[in-house]
Protein backbone atom coordinates (compact mmCIF):
# COMPACT_ATOMS: atom_id res chain seq x y z
CA UNK A 1 42.35 76.92 88.98
CA UNK A 2 43.20 79.68 86.12
CA UNK A 3 46.85 81.88 86.40
CA UNK A 4 46.66 85.29 85.65
CA UNK A 5 48.87 87.06 82.83
CA UNK A 6 52.09 88.24 84.55
CA UNK A 7 51.77 92.01 84.52
CA UNK A 8 54.89 94.09 82.78
CA UNK A 9 56.89 95.27 85.61
CA UNK A 10 57.91 98.83 85.59
CA UNK A 11 61.25 100.53 86.26
CA UNK A 12 62.26 100.66 89.71
CA UNK A 13 60.65 103.70 92.01
CA UNK A 14 64.21 104.78 93.15
CA UNK A 15 65.13 105.35 89.56
CA UNK A 16 65.06 108.36 88.05
CA UNK A 17 61.87 109.37 85.69
CA UNK A 18 62.86 110.42 81.95
CA UNK A 19 60.35 112.78 80.85
CA UNK A 20 58.49 112.41 77.06
CA UNK A 21 60.01 115.24 75.28
CA UNK A 22 63.99 113.71 76.87
CA UNK A 23 62.84 110.49 75.74
CA UNK A 24 61.97 111.97 72.20
CA UNK A 25 65.34 114.03 71.68
CA UNK A 26 67.78 110.60 72.63
CA UNK A 27 65.32 108.52 70.08
CA UNK A 28 65.98 110.92 67.10
CA UNK A 29 69.52 111.37 68.14
CA UNK A 30 70.27 107.78 68.29
CA UNK A 31 68.48 106.62 64.86
CA UNK A 32 69.50 109.60 63.09
CA UNK A 33 73.42 108.67 64.03
CA UNK A 34 72.98 104.88 63.12
CA UNK A 35 71.75 106.46 59.26
CA UNK A 36 75.01 108.70 59.54
CA UNK A 37 77.02 105.77 59.67
CA UNK A 38 75.04 103.82 57.12
CA UNK A 39 75.76 106.60 54.15
CA UNK A 40 79.20 107.25 55.59
CA UNK A 41 79.89 103.55 55.51
CA UNK A 42 80.21 103.08 52.18
CA UNK A 43 82.57 106.17 50.75
CA UNK A 44 84.49 105.11 53.67
CA UNK A 45 85.16 101.67 52.36
CA UNK A 46 85.05 102.70 48.56
CA UNK A 47 88.90 103.86 48.47
CA UNK A 48 89.75 99.79 49.56
CA UNK A 49 86.89 97.76 48.05
CA UNK A 50 84.93 99.66 45.91
CA UNK A 51 81.76 101.40 44.85
CA UNK A 52 78.88 99.33 43.76
CA UNK A 53 75.74 97.45 44.19
CA UNK A 54 77.20 94.72 46.02
CA UNK A 55 79.36 96.60 48.27
CA UNK A 56 76.02 99.08 49.69
CA UNK A 57 74.50 95.88 50.01
CA UNK A 58 77.02 94.40 52.70
CA UNK A 59 77.24 97.84 54.34
CA UNK A 60 73.29 97.61 55.13
CA UNK A 61 72.99 94.22 55.29
CA UNK A 62 75.29 93.93 57.82
CA UNK A 63 74.18 97.15 59.71
CA UNK A 64 70.46 95.77 60.03
CA UNK A 65 72.17 92.95 61.33
CA UNK A 66 73.90 94.59 63.82
CA UNK A 67 70.50 96.81 64.40
CA UNK A 68 68.47 93.57 64.77
CA UNK A 69 70.27 92.33 67.81
CA UNK A 70 70.87 95.36 69.33
CA UNK A 71 67.50 95.53 69.86
CA UNK A 72 67.07 92.37 71.16
CA UNK A 73 70.04 92.85 73.68
CA UNK A 74 69.21 95.97 74.82
CA UNK A 75 65.68 95.82 75.51
CA UNK A 76 66.97 92.59 77.55
CA UNK A 77 69.22 94.61 79.65
CA UNK A 78 66.10 97.51 79.98
CA UNK A 79 64.27 94.40 81.94
CA UNK A 80 67.22 93.93 84.24
CA UNK A 81 69.30 97.09 85.04
CA UNK A 82 67.34 100.56 85.52
CA UNK A 83 67.59 101.67 81.80
CA UNK A 84 68.52 105.45 83.01
CA UNK A 85 71.65 103.52 84.66
CA UNK A 86 72.24 102.14 81.11
CA UNK A 87 71.68 105.19 78.96
CA UNK A 88 74.63 107.57 79.28
CA UNK A 89 77.09 104.39 78.93
CA UNK A 90 74.99 103.42 75.94
CA UNK A 91 75.36 106.68 74.17
CA UNK A 92 79.43 107.11 75.11
CA UNK A 93 79.98 103.46 73.92
CA UNK A 94 77.90 104.03 70.36
CA UNK A 95 80.77 106.80 70.00
CA UNK A 96 83.17 105.15 70.85
CA UNK A 97 82.55 102.01 68.46
CA UNK A 98 81.40 104.51 65.75
CA UNK A 99 85.19 106.87 66.01
CA UNK A 100 86.59 103.34 66.02
CA UNK A 101 85.84 102.90 62.35
CA UNK A 102 88.24 105.05 61.01
CA UNK A 103 91.34 103.58 62.23
CA UNK A 104 89.79 99.88 61.72
CA UNK A 105 89.01 100.68 58.08
CA UNK A 106 91.97 102.64 57.68
CA UNK A 107 94.09 99.39 58.89
CA UNK A 108 92.14 96.99 58.20
CA UNK A 109 90.67 98.39 54.57
CA UNK A 110 94.46 98.02 52.61
CA UNK A 111 94.74 93.93 53.59
CA UNK A 112 91.09 93.79 52.00
CA UNK A 113 91.73 96.01 48.90
CA UNK A 114 90.44 94.87 45.72
CA UNK A 115 88.25 92.57 46.81
CA UNK A 116 84.85 93.83 46.37
CA UNK A 117 81.86 92.54 47.76
CA UNK A 118 83.64 89.93 50.08
CA UNK A 119 85.87 92.44 51.66
CA UNK A 120 83.07 94.64 52.16
CA UNK A 121 81.04 92.97 53.68
CA UNK A 122 84.34 91.55 55.91
CA UNK A 123 84.99 95.06 56.76
CA UNK A 124 81.71 96.03 57.67
CA UNK A 125 80.97 92.79 59.86
CA UNK A 126 84.21 94.45 61.85
CA UNK A 127 84.24 97.95 61.82
CA UNK A 128 80.15 98.58 61.68
CA UNK A 129 78.37 96.15 63.87
CA UNK A 130 78.93 97.24 67.16
CA UNK A 131 78.37 101.16 66.61
CA UNK A 132 74.74 99.50 64.92
CA UNK A 133 74.28 97.25 67.93
CA UNK A 134 74.91 99.56 70.17
CA UNK A 135 72.73 102.57 69.52
CA UNK A 136 70.23 99.98 68.35
CA UNK A 137 69.52 99.14 71.97
CA UNK A 138 68.75 103.07 73.20
CA UNK A 139 65.56 102.28 71.53
CA UNK A 140 63.77 99.86 74.10
CA UNK A 141 65.94 101.45 77.16
CA UNK A 142 64.32 104.70 76.33
CA UNK A 143 60.95 102.69 75.94
CA UNK A 144 61.65 101.19 79.33
CA UNK A 145 62.79 104.41 81.16
CA UNK A 146 59.47 106.15 79.89
CA UNK A 147 56.30 103.74 80.42
CA UNK A 148 54.16 104.35 83.35
CA UNK A 149 51.61 102.00 82.71
CA UNK A 150 50.27 99.14 80.39
CA UNK A 151 47.12 101.33 79.03
CA UNK A 152 49.52 103.98 77.08
CA UNK A 153 52.31 101.91 76.02
CA UNK A 154 50.89 101.16 72.44
CA UNK A 155 50.96 105.10 72.05
CA UNK A 156 54.54 105.27 73.54
CA UNK A 157 55.95 102.88 71.63
CA UNK A 158 54.06 103.93 68.50
CA UNK A 159 55.38 107.62 68.97
CA UNK A 160 59.09 106.76 69.70
CA UNK A 161 58.95 104.36 66.57
CA UNK A 162 57.83 107.34 64.39
CA UNK A 163 60.43 109.96 65.86
CA UNK A 164 63.17 107.30 64.94
CA UNK A 165 62.02 106.99 61.79
CA UNK A 166 62.03 110.85 61.51
CA UNK A 167 65.34 110.99 63.00
CA UNK A 168 67.03 107.79 60.87
CA UNK A 169 65.58 109.54 57.44
CA UNK A 170 66.65 113.15 58.82
CA UNK A 171 70.33 111.35 59.11
CA UNK A 172 70.11 109.78 55.49
CA UNK A 173 69.11 112.74 53.53
CA UNK A 174 71.24 115.18 55.30
CA UNK A 175 74.58 112.85 54.34
CA UNK A 176 73.52 112.12 51.60
CA UNK A 177 72.18 115.43 49.98
CA UNK A 178 74.16 117.49 52.35
CA UNK A 179 77.34 116.38 54.29
CA UNK A 180 79.01 114.83 52.39
CA UNK A 181 79.34 117.33 49.51
CA UNK A 182 80.69 119.64 52.71
CA UNK A 183 82.55 116.96 55.18
CA UNK A 184 85.39 114.52 54.75
CA UNK A 185 84.05 111.41 55.18
CA UNK A 186 86.41 110.69 58.57
CA UNK A 187 86.04 114.00 59.83
CA UNK A 188 81.61 112.85 59.63
CA UNK A 189 82.19 109.56 61.09
CA UNK A 190 84.14 111.36 64.12
CA UNK A 191 82.08 114.24 64.79
CA UNK A 192 79.30 111.86 65.29
CA UNK A 193 80.73 109.81 67.73
CA UNK A 194 82.22 112.44 69.65
CA UNK A 195 78.29 114.14 69.87
CA UNK A 196 77.49 110.43 71.43
CA UNK A 197 80.27 110.57 73.68
CA UNK A 198 79.34 113.99 75.16
CA UNK A 199 75.99 113.49 74.83
CA UNK A 200 76.33 109.88 76.98
CA UNK A 201 78.50 111.87 79.36
CA UNK A 202 75.73 114.72 80.02
CA UNK A 203 73.08 111.47 80.03
CA UNK A 204 74.99 110.01 82.59
CA UNK A 205 74.99 113.19 85.16
CA UNK A 206 71.80 113.93 84.90
CA UNK A 207 70.37 110.43 85.30
CA UNK A 208 72.90 108.00 85.77
CA UNK A 209 73.46 108.55 89.57
CA UNK A 210 77.41 108.90 91.06
CA UNK A 211 78.64 105.45 91.56
CA UNK A 212 79.29 104.94 87.54
CA UNK A 213 80.54 108.88 86.26
CA UNK A 214 83.26 108.26 87.14
CA UNK A 215 83.48 105.29 85.04
CA UNK A 216 81.73 107.04 81.82
CA UNK A 217 83.94 110.23 82.13
CA UNK A 218 86.90 107.69 81.73
CA UNK A 219 85.53 105.83 78.64
CA UNK A 220 84.31 109.23 77.32
CA UNK A 221 88.49 111.17 77.60
CA UNK A 222 89.10 106.94 75.60
CA UNK A 223 86.92 108.02 72.50
CA UNK A 224 88.11 111.76 72.44
CA UNK A 225 91.59 110.03 72.62
CA UNK A 226 90.56 107.42 69.74
CA UNK A 227 89.01 110.55 68.10
CA UNK A 228 92.50 112.09 68.12
CA UNK A 229 93.73 109.18 66.84
CA UNK A 230 92.13 108.31 63.89
CA UNK A 231 93.24 111.49 62.89
CA UNK A 232 96.45 110.07 62.17
CA UNK A 233 95.48 106.97 60.20
CA UNK A 234 96.48 107.08 56.46
CA UNK A 235 94.11 108.74 54.35
CA UNK A 236 93.91 107.35 50.93
CA UNK A 237 92.12 110.58 49.62
CA UNK A 238 93.63 113.69 48.18
CA UNK A 239 89.88 115.41 47.75
CA UNK A 240 86.25 113.64 48.34
CA UNK A 241 83.37 114.70 46.57
CA UNK A 242 80.03 113.30 46.69
CA UNK A 243 80.88 110.42 44.46
CA UNK A 244 84.14 109.38 44.70
CA UNK A 245 87.31 109.42 47.21
CA UNK A 246 90.12 110.99 44.54
CA UNK A 247 93.61 110.92 44.71
CA UNK A 248 96.41 111.56 42.21
CA UNK A 249 99.43 109.62 42.12
CA UNK A 250 103.34 110.81 40.81
CA UNK A 251 105.07 108.09 38.34
CA UNK A 252 108.08 108.08 39.25
CA UNK A 253 110.01 107.18 36.29
CA UNK A 254 107.98 110.03 34.71
CA UNK A 255 108.41 112.91 36.48
CA UNK A 256 105.23 114.38 34.10
CA UNK A 257 103.46 111.36 34.87
CA UNK A 258 100.59 112.10 36.36
CA UNK A 259 97.48 108.99 37.44
CA UNK A 260 94.07 109.73 38.91
CA UNK A 261 92.92 107.58 41.17
CA UNK A 262 89.07 107.51 42.10
CA UNK A 263 88.11 105.04 44.98
CA UNK A 264 90.20 102.28 44.71
CA UNK A 265 91.02 102.29 41.10
CA UNK A 266 93.16 103.93 38.60
CA UNK A 267 90.99 106.04 35.58
CA UNK A 268 92.90 107.57 33.54
CA UNK A 269 97.00 108.34 33.57
CA UNK A 270 98.69 111.31 31.36
CA UNK A 271 101.78 112.53 30.65
CA UNK A 272 101.77 116.27 31.59
CA UNK A 273 104.07 116.82 28.94
CA UNK A 274 102.48 114.99 25.97
CA UNK A 275 99.34 114.08 25.60
CA UNK A 276 99.69 111.98 22.45
CA UNK A 277 101.34 109.41 25.04
CA UNK A 278 98.78 106.60 25.89
CA UNK A 279 99.23 104.49 28.98
CA UNK A 280 95.97 102.71 29.07
CA UNK A 281 95.19 100.08 26.59
CA UNK A 282 92.20 100.59 26.36
CA UNK A 283 92.44 104.10 25.42
CA UNK A 284 95.33 103.06 22.63
CA UNK A 285 92.18 100.70 21.31
CA UNK A 286 90.11 103.95 21.72
CA UNK A 287 92.25 105.27 19.33
CA UNK A 288 93.46 102.90 17.22
CA UNK A 289 89.26 102.44 16.78
CA UNK A 290 88.44 106.39 15.47
CA UNK A 291 92.16 106.93 13.93
CA UNK A 292 89.53 107.61 10.54
CA UNK A 293 87.65 109.64 11.84
CA UNK A 294 90.90 111.88 12.11
CA UNK A 295 92.46 112.14 8.68
CA UNK A 296 91.27 115.31 7.93
CA UNK A 297 88.48 114.77 5.34
CA UNK A 298 85.86 116.51 7.76
CA UNK A 299 85.74 117.85 11.09
CA UNK A 300 85.76 115.37 14.29
CA UNK A 301 82.99 116.88 16.61
CA UNK A 302 82.97 114.04 19.23
CA UNK A 303 80.82 114.07 22.44
CA UNK A 304 82.57 111.98 25.63
CA UNK A 305 80.56 110.00 28.10
CA UNK A 306 82.89 110.51 31.00
CA UNK A 307 85.47 112.69 31.77
CA UNK A 308 87.88 111.37 34.35
CA UNK A 309 91.49 112.55 33.58
CA UNK A 310 90.44 113.83 30.09
CA UNK A 311 92.84 112.12 28.48
CA UNK A 312 90.93 111.02 24.78
CA UNK A 313 89.77 114.41 24.19
CA UNK A 314 92.93 115.86 24.53
CA UNK A 315 94.78 113.30 23.18
CA UNK A 316 92.68 113.73 20.24
CA UNK A 317 92.40 117.36 20.01
CA UNK A 318 96.47 117.16 19.42
CA UNK A 319 96.47 114.90 16.57
CA UNK A 320 93.37 116.39 15.12
CA UNK A 321 93.48 120.90 15.96
CA UNK A 322 90.37 121.44 14.18
CA UNK A 323 88.31 118.68 15.96
CA UNK A 324 86.19 119.85 18.95
CA UNK A 325 84.56 118.22 22.16
CA UNK A 326 81.63 118.23 24.51
CA UNK A 327 82.21 116.12 27.92
CA UNK A 328 79.63 115.05 30.17
CA UNK A 329 81.08 114.73 33.06
CA UNK A 330 79.31 113.94 36.32
CA UNK A 331 81.16 115.01 39.03
CA UNK A 332 82.69 118.59 39.74
CA UNK A 333 85.51 117.52 41.73
CA UNK A 334 86.56 114.99 39.25
CA UNK A 335 86.93 118.08 36.95
CA UNK A 336 88.59 120.37 39.78
CA UNK A 337 91.16 117.75 40.01
CA UNK A 338 91.96 117.59 35.93
CA UNK A 339 92.49 121.20 35.78
CA UNK A 340 94.38 121.37 39.36
CA UNK A 341 96.73 118.25 39.02
CA UNK A 342 96.58 116.60 35.70
CA UNK A 343 97.12 120.07 33.51
CA UNK A 344 93.69 119.85 32.16
CA UNK A 345 92.30 123.86 30.77
CA UNK A 346 89.06 123.58 29.33
CA UNK A 347 88.55 125.88 26.08
CA UNK A 348 86.38 126.25 23.05
CA UNK A 349 87.66 122.89 21.52
CA UNK A 350 86.98 121.31 24.49
CA UNK A 351 84.08 122.15 26.88
CA UNK A 352 82.43 120.19 29.69
CA UNK A 353 79.11 120.33 31.09
CA UNK A 354 78.56 119.22 34.26
CA UNK A 355 75.86 116.63 34.99
CA UNK A 356 74.55 113.33 34.51
CA UNK A 357 75.24 112.24 31.42
CA UNK A 358 71.61 110.37 31.01
CA UNK A 359 70.10 114.03 31.18
CA UNK A 360 72.78 116.03 30.04
CA UNK A 361 72.86 114.40 26.27
CA UNK A 362 69.65 115.42 25.60
CA UNK A 363 70.77 118.90 25.58
CA UNK A 364 72.98 117.56 22.37
CA UNK A 365 71.65 118.26 18.98
CA UNK A 366 70.84 115.23 17.07
CA UNK A 367 73.01 114.42 14.31
CA UNK A 368 76.06 116.61 15.29
CA UNK A 369 78.63 113.90 16.58
CA UNK A 370 81.02 112.13 14.54
CA UNK A 371 81.89 110.33 17.44
CA UNK A 372 80.68 109.46 21.01
CA UNK A 373 82.68 107.97 23.30
CA UNK A 374 81.92 105.98 26.11
CA UNK A 375 84.04 106.23 29.71
CA UNK A 376 81.89 106.73 32.80
CA UNK A 377 82.24 104.29 35.64
CA UNK A 378 81.43 104.25 38.80
CA UNK A 379 83.28 101.71 40.03
CA UNK A 380 84.33 98.74 38.11
CA UNK A 381 80.78 99.05 36.53
CA UNK A 382 79.61 101.19 33.82
CA UNK A 383 76.77 103.04 35.46
CA UNK A 384 73.49 101.06 34.03
CA UNK A 385 71.37 103.63 33.47
CA UNK A 386 74.32 104.22 30.89
CA UNK A 387 74.32 100.75 29.22
CA UNK A 388 70.59 100.32 28.66
CA UNK A 389 68.99 100.25 24.64
CA UNK A 390 66.81 104.04 25.78
CA UNK A 391 70.35 105.37 26.34
CA UNK A 392 71.68 104.05 23.52
CA UNK A 393 69.00 105.25 21.58
CA UNK A 394 69.91 108.58 22.30
CA UNK A 395 73.77 108.08 21.31
CA UNK A 396 72.29 106.86 17.97
CA UNK A 397 70.23 110.49 18.06
CA UNK A 398 72.95 112.55 18.32
CA UNK A 399 75.51 110.53 16.19
CA UNK A 400 75.84 111.89 12.54
CA UNK A 401 74.58 108.79 10.05
CA UNK A 402 78.74 108.12 9.53
CA UNK A 403 79.00 108.34 13.25
CA UNK A 404 80.72 105.44 15.62
CA UNK A 405 80.38 104.86 19.42
CA UNK A 406 83.21 103.39 21.09
CA UNK A 407 82.35 102.35 24.44
CA UNK A 408 84.53 100.68 27.46
CA UNK A 409 83.29 98.15 29.64
CA UNK A 410 85.49 96.38 32.33
CA UNK A 411 84.17 92.64 33.09
CA UNK A 412 85.02 88.94 34.39
CA UNK A 413 86.54 86.51 32.71
CA UNK A 414 82.95 84.86 31.87
CA UNK A 415 82.02 88.08 29.62
CA UNK A 416 78.62 88.44 30.96
CA UNK A 417 78.37 91.81 30.84
CA UNK A 418 80.19 92.38 28.32
CA UNK A 419 77.35 89.77 26.44
CA UNK A 420 74.69 91.69 27.29
CA UNK A 421 75.92 94.87 26.20
CA UNK A 422 77.09 93.24 22.91
CA UNK A 423 73.57 92.40 22.07
CA UNK A 424 71.96 95.43 22.97
CA UNK A 425 74.09 97.38 20.26
CA UNK A 426 73.38 94.99 18.21
CA UNK A 427 69.91 95.52 18.66
CA UNK A 428 70.62 99.27 16.98
CA UNK A 429 73.62 99.38 15.25
CA UNK A 430 74.33 97.61 11.78
CA UNK A 431 77.88 96.93 12.63
CA UNK A 432 79.61 96.00 15.88
CA UNK A 433 83.35 95.04 16.94
CA UNK A 434 84.41 93.64 20.22
CA UNK A 435 87.76 94.44 21.06
CA UNK A 436 90.15 93.09 24.15
CA UNK A 437 92.90 90.40 24.96
CA UNK A 438 92.98 87.06 23.15
CA UNK A 439 93.39 85.53 27.28
CA UNK A 440 90.34 87.62 27.87
CA UNK A 441 88.45 85.93 25.38
CA UNK A 442 89.33 82.65 26.19
CA UNK A 443 88.28 82.76 29.17
CA UNK A 444 91.12 82.69 31.30
CA UNK A 445 91.10 86.58 32.34
CA UNK A 446 88.83 89.26 32.82
CA UNK A 447 89.78 93.37 32.08
CA UNK A 448 89.02 96.06 29.66
CA UNK A 449 86.62 95.50 26.69
CA UNK A 450 86.30 98.25 24.16
CA UNK A 451 83.14 97.63 21.84
CA UNK A 452 82.79 99.54 18.86
CA UNK A 453 79.06 100.52 16.77
CA UNK A 454 78.34 102.00 13.89
CA UNK A 455 75.41 101.92 11.21
CA UNK A 456 78.22 102.21 8.24
CA UNK A 457 80.74 98.81 7.42
CA UNK A 458 84.01 99.57 8.83
CA UNK A 459 87.06 97.74 7.74
CA UNK A 460 87.46 94.95 11.01
CA UNK A 461 90.49 93.41 9.69
CA UNK A 462 92.26 97.11 9.71
CA UNK A 463 90.74 97.66 12.85
CA UNK A 464 92.30 94.80 14.17
CA UNK A 465 95.44 95.09 12.42
CA UNK A 466 95.33 99.13 14.25
CA UNK A 467 94.66 97.29 17.51
CA UNK A 468 97.74 94.74 17.67
CA UNK A 469 100.21 97.48 16.51
CA UNK A 470 99.12 99.28 19.27
CA UNK A 471 98.89 96.74 22.04
CA UNK A 472 99.79 93.10 22.01
CA UNK A 473 97.77 90.10 22.57
CA UNK A 474 94.45 91.31 21.62
CA UNK A 475 91.62 90.47 19.24
CA UNK A 476 88.34 91.20 17.65
CA UNK A 477 85.02 90.21 17.03
CA UNK A 478 82.98 91.80 13.90
CA UNK A 479 82.24 88.56 12.14
CA UNK A 480 78.29 88.56 12.50
CA UNK A 481 78.59 84.78 12.54
CA UNK A 482 80.60 84.72 15.83
CA UNK A 483 78.86 87.72 17.18
CA UNK A 484 75.53 85.88 17.04
CA UNK A 485 77.64 82.60 18.95
CA UNK A 486 78.81 85.33 21.37
CA UNK A 487 75.83 87.21 22.45
CA UNK A 488 73.67 84.01 21.76
CA UNK A 489 71.23 83.82 24.92
CA UNK A 490 72.18 87.47 26.53
CA UNK A 491 69.51 89.69 27.46
CA UNK A 492 69.38 93.12 25.93
CA UNK A 493 69.88 95.91 29.12
CA UNK A 494 66.62 97.80 29.17
CA UNK A 495 65.44 100.66 31.83
CA UNK A 496 63.74 97.64 33.03
CA UNK A 497 66.51 95.16 33.67
CA UNK A 498 69.97 96.31 33.52
CA UNK A 499 71.71 94.09 35.90
CA UNK A 500 75.29 95.46 35.02
CA UNK A 501 77.03 95.22 39.20
CA UNK A 502 75.33 91.19 39.20
CA UNK A 503 76.93 90.17 35.36
CA UNK A 504 79.97 91.50 35.81
CA UNK A 505 81.99 88.60 37.05
CA UNK A 506 79.83 86.07 36.82
């Protein structure tokens, strides 16, 4: 006795049918919305947990998990309830969940501030799992609502899958290349949620029947009220760019003191009345490491990789009026903020080139700079492509034979990233020194580290005396034997291998 395989059942004949065009549009919208939320999520959480590879990984992983759960659950529901009755409520709930990410992150973010990847995992899990899962459930519902026979099911699934992928691509590129540069991230997320809610109401009116329309409209009203409430959640950003949440904090003890905050980190502090006042310890180490270059014996032409608050070029200009400076700054909004709020005015002595330093350094003449200052950061790490031997060769190219490179890094107690970057500099420069807190050398704390590199010898004892005079508790490592021990086993960073984010804190 043989049994025939069960034939997949079609939706109930009494259920309204969904045309192919409508299914394609709804698939496109749902998929695009998920990717808008995924790209925007990194900017929404950055003011609290930073902007790094681990943060991106946490967000992508959590949202992919939500998509998997939602696709499975949506398919199960579509087999039990007429999918045309599900689509309206699903879009409305997905929109509400998207809008809710703004107050959820705004309220939970300060609690998790400074926790990095772990905090990003927690924020993403709480805020973004639900909208991703709900919107991912749309695809199997649409297949179930559109399918007419098994013979054409493969073509239908393939077509809707391709359209969904197209929507995801449009959401990705539109958000990353356009929207996040012109629309505040919270506005973008709330607007996406509102559009989903409105779409859900329209779908319900067209397909859902009257029995649930009142409930769906009530949910939609709740979503719109939540959108209004989201606008009341405190926003840590005074400005937003493609790269950063930007804020300026005033110094209660010093009326002229201003601090530039990018995402969750203080990036610069300036005194509007005194450009020689250096608040950050590492900037004082910069000054100690370059003091002899401003003695007037030869003109100081400096290249600065990263602008931020432009505190160090302004300091050098104040103590050496003959010096000239070129600053390579990635973000035009950071430059605008420095001009508007930090008292910075570019002129013939301090020029600014906007763009990625890996590209803009190519326009700097060879042997033209006695000093190169590396102070560019994306989150807690120097962007990996500005740490490699290939980039350091460009720095060496623009330095004069007696020039000097000073670089600011941040690392954890193990100093794995610092050791690798020190090894990288030593592969290209004959003389290297490491400047940081003695506690950091001892492995009891992390923090800022300044590296000094040159082809000509410098007085390590004088350097140590200068940095200790500027900041107590600091030591300098410059002896070749000690540096050999410090960098043993450390990789030389290259364009093929520069795991900057992974090395930090390890």
